């Protein structure tokens, strides 16, 4: 080893460590700033990092990697999830997209990213485990990916992601929508689904068409938000925490009385994925139809409810939607009689007593 050098000048804050680097003991630990033959570079590194080190913090890296960005982004979103600001469903979407980005290139330096790199990432984001994803799912993933790379600014990095990770065009989305069949159950189909459903699934399906519930709403539904004696639920929408109040049909109440558990209405083993899978199996078991997704019950409720003698504001209240217009800001209440008119109309349609073909 070369002879240990002297300090370049008396006030030089670092000393020559035996390992060949300039060093300083900070908070009881040796910190190293560069090799002996580069004292000026070591000094600059020390000056850049000392404020972090003396407060026990890790200095920012000279070159951040994609893995650093994903850790920072998910760390922030995890804290939001833990505090209740972010739903389990949304956080899961963030995690899934970040997993794809990590598999694509977690060791890449953020500074090195080119348009071509991000264009390849776009391709990766559109690929599922076994097949190419639909345009709507791709749009959702691209939205999250743009959020991730926008977060790079908080690390002092800049990524030109806007064009490479742009969402599919509105025209393309309309084209896809026009090619789809109606995502709408008939009343007879829903009655058949309910008839063939067993256990708690029956109550969940009825909540879907009675109240416009998603699977995640059913899984999270607490017993203290359901009044089976009077036939109402007051459970806010899990995705947005918008207040909801909705009358429960007699059929729904009967099914819920058989399902109620401690704390939560349904067994803790249920989750939105299990619910969706079980519902699809149930539907596929007795008829083949393009409408096999649980959330299509929510689509059906909205569609049928619009034919009731109520305003859209009443339907929005049941669905847990909000609109940023002056009427919504000024509106203080939706009355129970309006809510009952709406759900009773959907129930009569469900029972086959309202024929919408005559409207």
Protein backbone atom coordinates (compact mmCIF):
# COMPACT_ATOMS: atom_id res chain seq x y z
CA UNK A 1 0.00 0.00 0.00
CA UNK A 2 1.17 3.52 -0.75
CA UNK A 3 2.38 5.68 2.06
CA UNK A 4 -0.51 7.31 3.91
CA UNK A 5 -0.77 10.96 2.69
CA UNK A 6 -0.86 14.02 4.87
CA UNK A 7 -3.84 16.39 4.86
CA UNK A 8 -3.72 18.78 1.87
CA UNK A 9 -4.05 21.69 4.32
CA UNK A 10 -4.41 22.10 8.09
CA UNK A 11 -8.16 22.78 8.01
CA UNK A 12 -8.94 19.78 5.80
CA UNK A 13 -11.80 18.03 7.67
CA UNK A 14 -10.97 14.45 6.65
CA UNK A 15 -8.15 12.08 7.58
CA UNK A 16 -6.44 9.33 5.56
CA UNK A 17 -7.84 5.98 6.70
CA UNK A 18 -5.79 2.78 6.49
CA UNK A 19 -8.22 1.40 3.87
CA UNK A 20 -7.01 3.93 1.29
CA UNK A 21 -9.86 6.43 1.60
CA UNK A 22 -10.42 9.83 3.14
CA UNK A 23 -12.68 9.40 6.15
CA UNK A 24 -14.30 11.05 9.15
CA UNK A 25 -15.96 9.65 12.28
CA UNK A 26 -19.54 10.89 12.48
CA UNK A 27 -21.98 9.87 15.20
CA UNK A 28 -19.61 7.09 16.27
CA UNK A 29 -19.18 5.56 12.80
CA UNK A 30 -16.48 5.95 10.17
CA UNK A 31 -17.75 7.44 6.94
CA UNK A 32 -15.68 7.27 3.73
CA UNK A 33 -15.61 9.86 0.96
CA UNK A 34 -13.09 8.79 -1.65
CA UNK A 35 -9.60 7.50 -2.37
CA UNK A 36 -6.38 9.15 -1.16
CA UNK A 37 -5.38 10.45 -4.59
CA UNK A 38 -8.63 12.44 -4.94
CA UNK A 39 -8.76 14.70 -1.88
CA UNK A 40 -10.77 17.45 -3.59
CA UNK A 41 -13.46 15.01 -4.79
CA UNK A 42 -13.58 13.51 -1.28
CA UNK A 43 -14.00 16.98 0.23
CA UNK A 44 -16.86 17.81 -2.14
CA UNK A 45 -18.58 14.53 -1.33
CA UNK A 46 -18.18 15.22 2.39
CA UNK A 47 -19.64 18.72 2.04
CA UNK A 48 -22.58 17.33 0.08
CA UNK A 49 -23.37 14.57 2.57
CA UNK A 50 -22.40 15.90 5.99
CA UNK A 51 -25.74 17.56 6.82
CA UNK A 52 -27.47 14.23 6.30
CA UNK A 53 -24.87 12.19 8.17
CA UNK A 54 -24.79 14.43 11.25
CA UNK A 55 -28.58 14.03 11.60
CA UNK A 56 -28.43 10.25 11.16
CA UNK A 57 -29.90 10.25 7.67
CA UNK A 58 -28.80 8.36 4.59
CA UNK A 59 -27.43 10.80 1.98
CA UNK A 60 -29.18 10.80 -1.40
CA UNK A 61 -27.47 8.65 -3.98
CA UNK A 62 -25.51 10.23 -6.80
CA UNK A 63 -27.43 8.08 -9.25
CA UNK A 64 -30.87 6.83 -8.32
CA UNK A 65 -32.12 3.56 -9.73
CA UNK A 66 -35.64 2.53 -10.66
CA UNK A 67 -35.68 0.42 -7.48
CA UNK A 68 -35.08 3.57 -5.41
CA UNK A 69 -37.96 5.30 -7.17
CA UNK A 70 -40.33 2.37 -6.64
CA UNK A 71 -39.40 2.15 -2.95
CA UNK A 72 -40.03 5.87 -2.49
CA UNK A 73 -43.34 5.81 -4.38
CA UNK A 74 -44.74 2.69 -2.73
CA UNK A 75 -43.50 3.81 0.68
CA UNK A 76 -45.55 6.95 0.42
CA UNK A 77 -48.61 5.10 -0.89
CA UNK A 78 -48.27 2.45 1.83
CA UNK A 79 -48.40 5.17 4.49
CA UNK A 80 -51.50 6.58 2.82
CA UNK A 81 -53.04 3.10 2.81
CA UNK A 82 -52.21 2.56 6.48
CA UNK A 83 -53.80 5.88 7.44
CA UNK A 84 -56.97 5.05 5.53
CA UNK A 85 -56.40 7.63 2.77
CA UNK A 86 -55.98 4.92 0.14
CA UNK A 87 -58.19 1.87 -0.34
CA UNK A 88 -56.86 -1.69 -0.41
CA UNK A 89 -58.01 -2.01 -4.03
CA UNK A 90 -56.16 1.11 -5.19
CA UNK A 91 -52.98 0.24 -3.29
CA UNK A 92 -53.05 -3.25 -4.80
CA UNK A 93 -53.24 -1.70 -8.29
CA UNK A 94 -50.19 0.44 -7.48
CA UNK A 95 -48.26 -2.60 -6.27
CA UNK A 96 -49.11 -4.65 -9.36
CA UNK A 97 -47.95 -1.92 -11.72
CA UNK A 98 -44.75 -1.37 -9.73
CA UNK A 99 -44.03 -5.10 -9.93
CA UNK A 100 -44.14 -4.87 -13.73
CA UNK A 101 -41.83 -1.84 -13.71
CA UNK A 102 -39.41 -3.63 -11.37
CA UNK A 103 -39.32 -6.73 -13.57
CA UNK A 104 -38.68 -4.51 -16.60
CA UNK A 105 -35.66 -2.78 -15.09
CA UNK A 106 -35.29 -2.14 -11.37
CA UNK A 107 -31.51 -1.81 -11.70
CA UNK A 108 -31.64 0.85 -14.42
CA UNK A 109 -30.39 4.33 -13.55
CA UNK A 110 -33.19 6.88 -13.75
CA UNK A 111 -30.91 9.37 -15.51
CA UNK A 112 -30.19 6.90 -18.30
CA UNK A 113 -33.81 6.36 -19.38
CA UNK A 114 -34.61 7.15 -23.00
CA UNK A 115 -37.85 7.33 -24.96
CA UNK A 116 -37.04 3.90 -26.38
CA UNK A 117 -36.64 2.45 -22.89
CA UNK A 118 -40.01 3.79 -21.78
CA UNK A 119 -41.63 2.64 -25.01
CA UNK A 120 -40.49 -0.90 -24.16
CA UNK A 121 -41.90 -0.44 -20.66
CA UNK A 122 -45.24 0.48 -22.22
CA UNK A 123 -45.19 -2.86 -24.04
CA UNK A 124 -44.40 -4.68 -20.78
CA UNK A 125 -47.26 -2.91 -19.01
CA UNK A 126 -49.67 -4.20 -21.64
CA UNK A 127 -48.72 -7.82 -21.14
CA UNK A 128 -50.51 -9.96 -18.56
CA UNK A 129 -49.29 -13.26 -17.13
CA UNK A 130 -50.71 -15.30 -19.99
CA UNK A 131 -52.04 -12.85 -22.58
CA UNK A 132 -52.07 -9.28 -23.75
CA UNK A 133 -54.15 -7.01 -21.52
CA UNK A 134 -57.19 -5.08 -22.67
CA UNK A 135 -56.95 -1.40 -23.49
CA UNK A 136 -58.86 -0.31 -20.38
CA UNK A 137 -56.52 -2.24 -18.08
CA UNK A 138 -53.52 -0.86 -19.97
CA UNK A 139 -54.85 2.66 -19.49
CA UNK A 140 -55.07 2.08 -15.73
CA UNK A 141 -51.51 0.73 -15.58
CA UNK A 142 -50.15 3.62 -17.64
CA UNK A 143 -51.82 6.09 -15.29
CA UNK A 144 -50.04 4.52 -12.33
CA UNK A 145 -46.72 4.37 -14.25
CA UNK A 146 -46.93 8.09 -14.98
CA UNK A 147 -47.54 8.72 -11.29
CA UNK A 148 -44.40 6.71 -10.48
CA UNK A 149 -42.15 8.63 -12.86
CA UNK A 150 -43.64 11.95 -11.82
CA UNK A 151 -42.58 10.99 -8.29
CA UNK A 152 -38.95 10.99 -9.52
CA UNK A 153 -39.05 14.76 -9.11
CA UNK A 154 -39.13 14.27 -5.35
CA UNK A 155 -35.73 12.55 -5.67
CA UNK A 156 -34.36 15.43 -7.69
CA UNK A 157 -34.59 13.46 -10.93
CA UNK A 158 -36.46 14.29 -14.12
CA UNK A 159 -38.00 11.77 -16.52
CA UNK A 160 -39.60 12.73 -19.85
CA UNK A 161 -42.35 10.11 -19.71
CA UNK A 162 -45.39 11.97 -21.06
CA UNK A 163 -45.29 10.79 -24.70
CA UNK A 164 -43.94 7.27 -24.18
CA UNK A 165 -46.45 6.47 -21.43
CA UNK A 166 -49.42 8.39 -22.84
CA UNK A 167 -52.85 6.85 -22.29
CA UNK A 168 -54.64 5.20 -25.23
CA UNK A 169 -56.59 7.75 -27.25
CA UNK A 170 -60.19 8.54 -26.42
CA UNK A 171 -61.12 7.42 -29.95
CA UNK A 172 -59.58 3.98 -29.38
CA UNK A 173 -61.36 3.61 -26.05
CA UNK A 174 -64.67 4.51 -27.70
CA UNK A 175 -63.98 1.99 -30.45
CA UNK A 176 -63.36 -0.76 -27.87
CA UNK A 177 -66.52 0.24 -26.03
CA UNK A 178 -68.55 0.12 -29.25
CA UNK A 179 -67.31 -3.40 -29.97
CA UNK A 180 -68.47 -4.71 -26.60
CA UNK A 181 -71.83 -6.26 -25.90
CA UNK A 182 -74.03 -4.58 -23.31
CA UNK A 183 -72.78 -5.18 -19.79
CA UNK A 184 -76.31 -5.57 -18.55
CA UNK A 185 -78.13 -8.46 -16.91
CA UNK A 186 -81.77 -9.17 -17.59
CA UNK A 187 -84.08 -9.51 -14.59
CA UNK A 188 -84.59 -13.18 -15.39
CA UNK A 189 -80.85 -13.81 -15.44
CA UNK A 190 -80.34 -12.17 -12.04
CA UNK A 191 -83.22 -14.17 -10.55
CA UNK A 192 -81.60 -17.32 -11.90
CA UNK A 193 -78.21 -16.35 -10.46
CA UNK A 194 -79.76 -15.67 -7.05
CA UNK A 195 -81.70 -18.94 -7.15
CA UNK A 196 -78.54 -20.94 -7.85
CA UNK A 197 -76.33 -19.04 -5.39
CA UNK A 198 -75.50 -20.69 -2.08
CA UNK A 199 -74.63 -19.26 1.33
CA UNK A 200 -73.25 -15.76 1.54
CA UNK A 201 -72.95 -15.36 -2.23
CA UNK A 202 -76.74 -14.99 -2.45
CA UNK A 203 -76.67 -11.98 -0.12
CA UNK A 204 -73.72 -10.47 -1.99
CA UNK A 205 -75.50 -10.73 -5.35
CA UNK A 206 -78.60 -9.08 -3.91
CA UNK A 207 -76.48 -6.24 -2.53
CA UNK A 208 -75.05 -5.84 -6.02
CA UNK A 209 -78.42 -5.30 -7.71
CA UNK A 210 -80.21 -3.73 -4.71
CA UNK A 211 -77.50 -1.21 -3.75
CA UNK A 212 -74.98 -1.16 -6.60
CA UNK A 213 -72.28 -2.78 -4.45
CA UNK A 214 -68.88 -3.81 -5.80
CA UNK A 215 -67.19 -6.98 -4.43
CA UNK A 216 -64.93 -4.83 -2.24
CA UNK A 217 -68.02 -3.18 -0.71
CA UNK A 218 -69.41 -6.57 0.26
CA UNK A 219 -66.10 -7.76 1.73
CA UNK A 220 -65.68 -4.62 3.83
CA UNK A 221 -69.32 -4.24 4.95
CA UNK A 222 -69.42 -3.93 8.79
CA UNK A 223 -72.40 -5.15 10.76
CA UNK A 224 -72.88 -1.77 12.44
CA UNK A 225 -73.64 -0.20 9.03
CA UNK A 226 -76.54 -2.55 8.34
CA UNK A 227 -79.95 -2.13 10.03
CA UNK A 228 -81.79 -5.35 9.31
CA UNK A 229 -84.75 -4.43 11.52
CA UNK A 230 -85.63 -1.37 9.47
CA UNK A 231 -84.02 -2.52 6.21
CA UNK A 232 -81.28 0.07 5.50
CA UNK A 233 -77.54 0.27 5.00
CA UNK A 234 -75.46 3.39 5.69
CA UNK A 235 -72.07 2.17 4.49
CA UNK A 236 -69.85 4.80 2.75
CA UNK A 237 -68.33 3.81 -0.57
CA UNK A 238 -65.00 2.12 0.18
CA UNK A 239 -63.22 3.66 -2.82
CA UNK A 240 -64.06 7.31 -2.08
CA UNK A 241 -65.64 7.41 1.43
CA UNK A 242 -68.69 9.12 -0.10
CA UNK A 243 -71.73 8.72 2.15
CA UNK A 244 -74.35 6.23 1.04
CA UNK A 245 -77.77 5.34 2.39
CA UNK A 246 -79.95 2.77 0.71
CA UNK A 247 -83.13 0.79 1.51
CA UNK A 248 -82.67 -2.98 1.55
CA UNK A 249 -85.18 -5.19 -0.22
CA UNK A 250 -86.98 -7.85 1.86
CA UNK A 251 -85.08 -10.49 -0.17
CA UNK A 252 -81.77 -8.82 0.71
CA UNK A 253 -82.62 -8.60 4.40
CA UNK A 254 -83.57 -12.30 4.52
CA UNK A 255 -80.29 -13.30 2.86
CA UNK A 256 -78.23 -11.02 5.12
CA UNK A 257 -79.77 -12.48 8.29
CA UNK A 258 -78.25 -15.82 7.30
CA UNK A 259 -74.86 -14.28 6.58
CA UNK A 260 -74.10 -11.88 9.44
CA UNK A 261 -70.81 -12.61 11.26
CA UNK A 262 -68.95 -10.86 14.08
CA UNK A 263 -67.83 -7.36 13.12
CA UNK A 264 -68.09 -7.88 9.38
CA UNK A 265 -71.25 -9.05 7.66
CA UNK A 266 -69.41 -11.66 5.57
CA UNK A 267 -66.73 -14.18 6.43
CA UNK A 268 -63.19 -12.76 6.52
CA UNK A 269 -62.01 -15.32 3.94
CA UNK A 270 -63.80 -13.40 1.20
CA UNK A 271 -61.89 -10.88 -0.90
CA UNK A 272 -62.77 -9.13 -4.14
CA UNK A 273 -60.80 -11.61 -6.25
CA UNK A 274 -62.41 -14.67 -4.67
CA UNK A 275 -65.85 -13.07 -4.99
CA UNK A 276 -65.30 -12.26 -8.66
CA UNK A 277 -64.08 -15.79 -9.40
CA UNK A 278 -66.93 -17.48 -7.54
CA UNK A 279 -69.50 -15.27 -9.23
CA UNK A 280 -68.10 -16.02 -12.68
CA UNK A 281 -68.13 -19.77 -11.98
CA UNK A 282 -71.71 -19.52 -10.78
CA UNK A 283 -72.88 -17.67 -13.89
CA UNK A 284 -70.95 -19.94 -16.25
CA UNK A 285 -72.38 -23.06 -14.58
CA UNK A 286 -75.90 -22.60 -15.93
CA UNK A 287 -75.78 -20.28 -18.92
CA UNK A 288 -73.27 -18.77 -21.32
CA UNK A 289 -73.50 -15.00 -21.50
CA UNK A 290 -71.12 -12.14 -22.13
CA UNK A 291 -72.11 -10.59 -18.80
CA UNK A 292 -70.25 -12.63 -16.19
CA UNK A 293 -68.62 -9.97 -14.00
CA UNK A 294 -69.98 -9.09 -10.56
CA UNK A 295 -69.64 -5.34 -11.12
CA UNK A 296 -72.09 -5.64 -14.03
CA UNK A 297 -74.78 -5.87 -11.35
CA UNK A 298 -73.81 -2.28 -10.48
CA UNK A 299 -74.05 -1.34 -14.18
CA UNK A 300 -77.49 -2.93 -14.27
CA UNK A 301 -78.70 -1.10 -11.16
CA UNK A 302 -77.65 2.27 -12.58
CA UNK A 303 -79.28 1.54 -15.94
CA UNK A 304 -82.60 0.40 -14.49
CA UNK A 305 -82.66 3.10 -11.79
CA UNK A 306 -82.55 5.82 -14.44
CA UNK A 307 -86.05 4.72 -15.54
CA UNK A 308 -87.45 5.36 -12.04
CA UNK A 309 -89.32 8.57 -11.22
CA UNK A 310 -86.33 10.10 -9.42
CA UNK A 311 -83.51 12.47 -10.30
CA UNK A 312 -79.96 11.38 -11.10
CA UNK A 313 -78.94 12.92 -7.77
CA UNK A 314 -80.91 10.18 -5.95
CA UNK A 315 -79.19 7.45 -7.95
CA UNK A 316 -75.78 9.07 -7.39
CA UNK A 317 -76.46 9.05 -3.64
CA UNK A 318 -77.06 5.29 -3.69
CA UNK A 319 -74.05 4.65 -5.93
CA UNK A 320 -71.73 6.82 -3.82
CA UNK A 321 -70.90 9.25 -6.63
CA UNK A 322 -70.17 12.94 -6.37
CA UNK A 323 -70.27 15.64 -9.02
CA UNK A 324 -68.35 18.89 -8.79
CA UNK A 325 -71.24 21.15 -9.77
CA UNK A 326 -73.10 23.85 -7.88
CA UNK A 327 -76.24 21.73 -7.48
CA UNK A 328 -74.24 19.01 -5.70
CA UNK A 329 -72.56 21.58 -3.47
CA UNK A 330 -75.86 23.17 -2.49
CA UNK A 331 -77.80 19.92 -2.09
CA UNK A 332 -77.85 19.05 1.60
CA UNK A 333 -79.92 15.89 1.64
CA UNK A 334 -81.57 13.15 -0.39
CA UNK A 335 -84.81 12.11 1.30
CA UNK A 336 -85.62 8.53 2.27
CA UNK A 337 -88.86 8.57 0.24
CA UNK A 338 -86.81 9.32 -2.90
CA UNK A 339 -84.36 6.51 -2.14
CA UNK A 340 -87.25 4.09 -1.58
CA UNK A 341 -88.93 5.11 -4.83
CA UNK A 342 -85.69 4.36 -6.67
CA UNK A 343 -84.90 0.97 -5.13
CA UNK A 344 -88.55 -0.17 -5.18
CA UNK A 345 -88.63 0.49 -8.92
CA UNK A 346 -85.48 -1.62 -9.47
CA UNK A 347 -86.96 -4.37 -7.25
CA UNK A 348 -90.21 -4.48 -9.26
CA UNK A 349 -88.11 -4.81 -12.41
CA UNK A 350 -86.06 -7.59 -10.77
CA UNK A 351 -89.27 -9.44 -9.82
CA UNK A 352 -90.56 -9.16 -13.40
CA UNK A 353 -93.36 -6.71 -12.52
CA UNK A 354 -91.98 -3.80 -14.57
CA UNK A 355 -91.49 -4.28 -18.31
CA UNK A 356 -89.07 -1.66 -19.58
CA UNK A 357 -89.77 -2.61 -23.19
CA UNK A 358 -93.06 -0.67 -22.82
CA UNK A 359 -91.32 2.54 -21.63
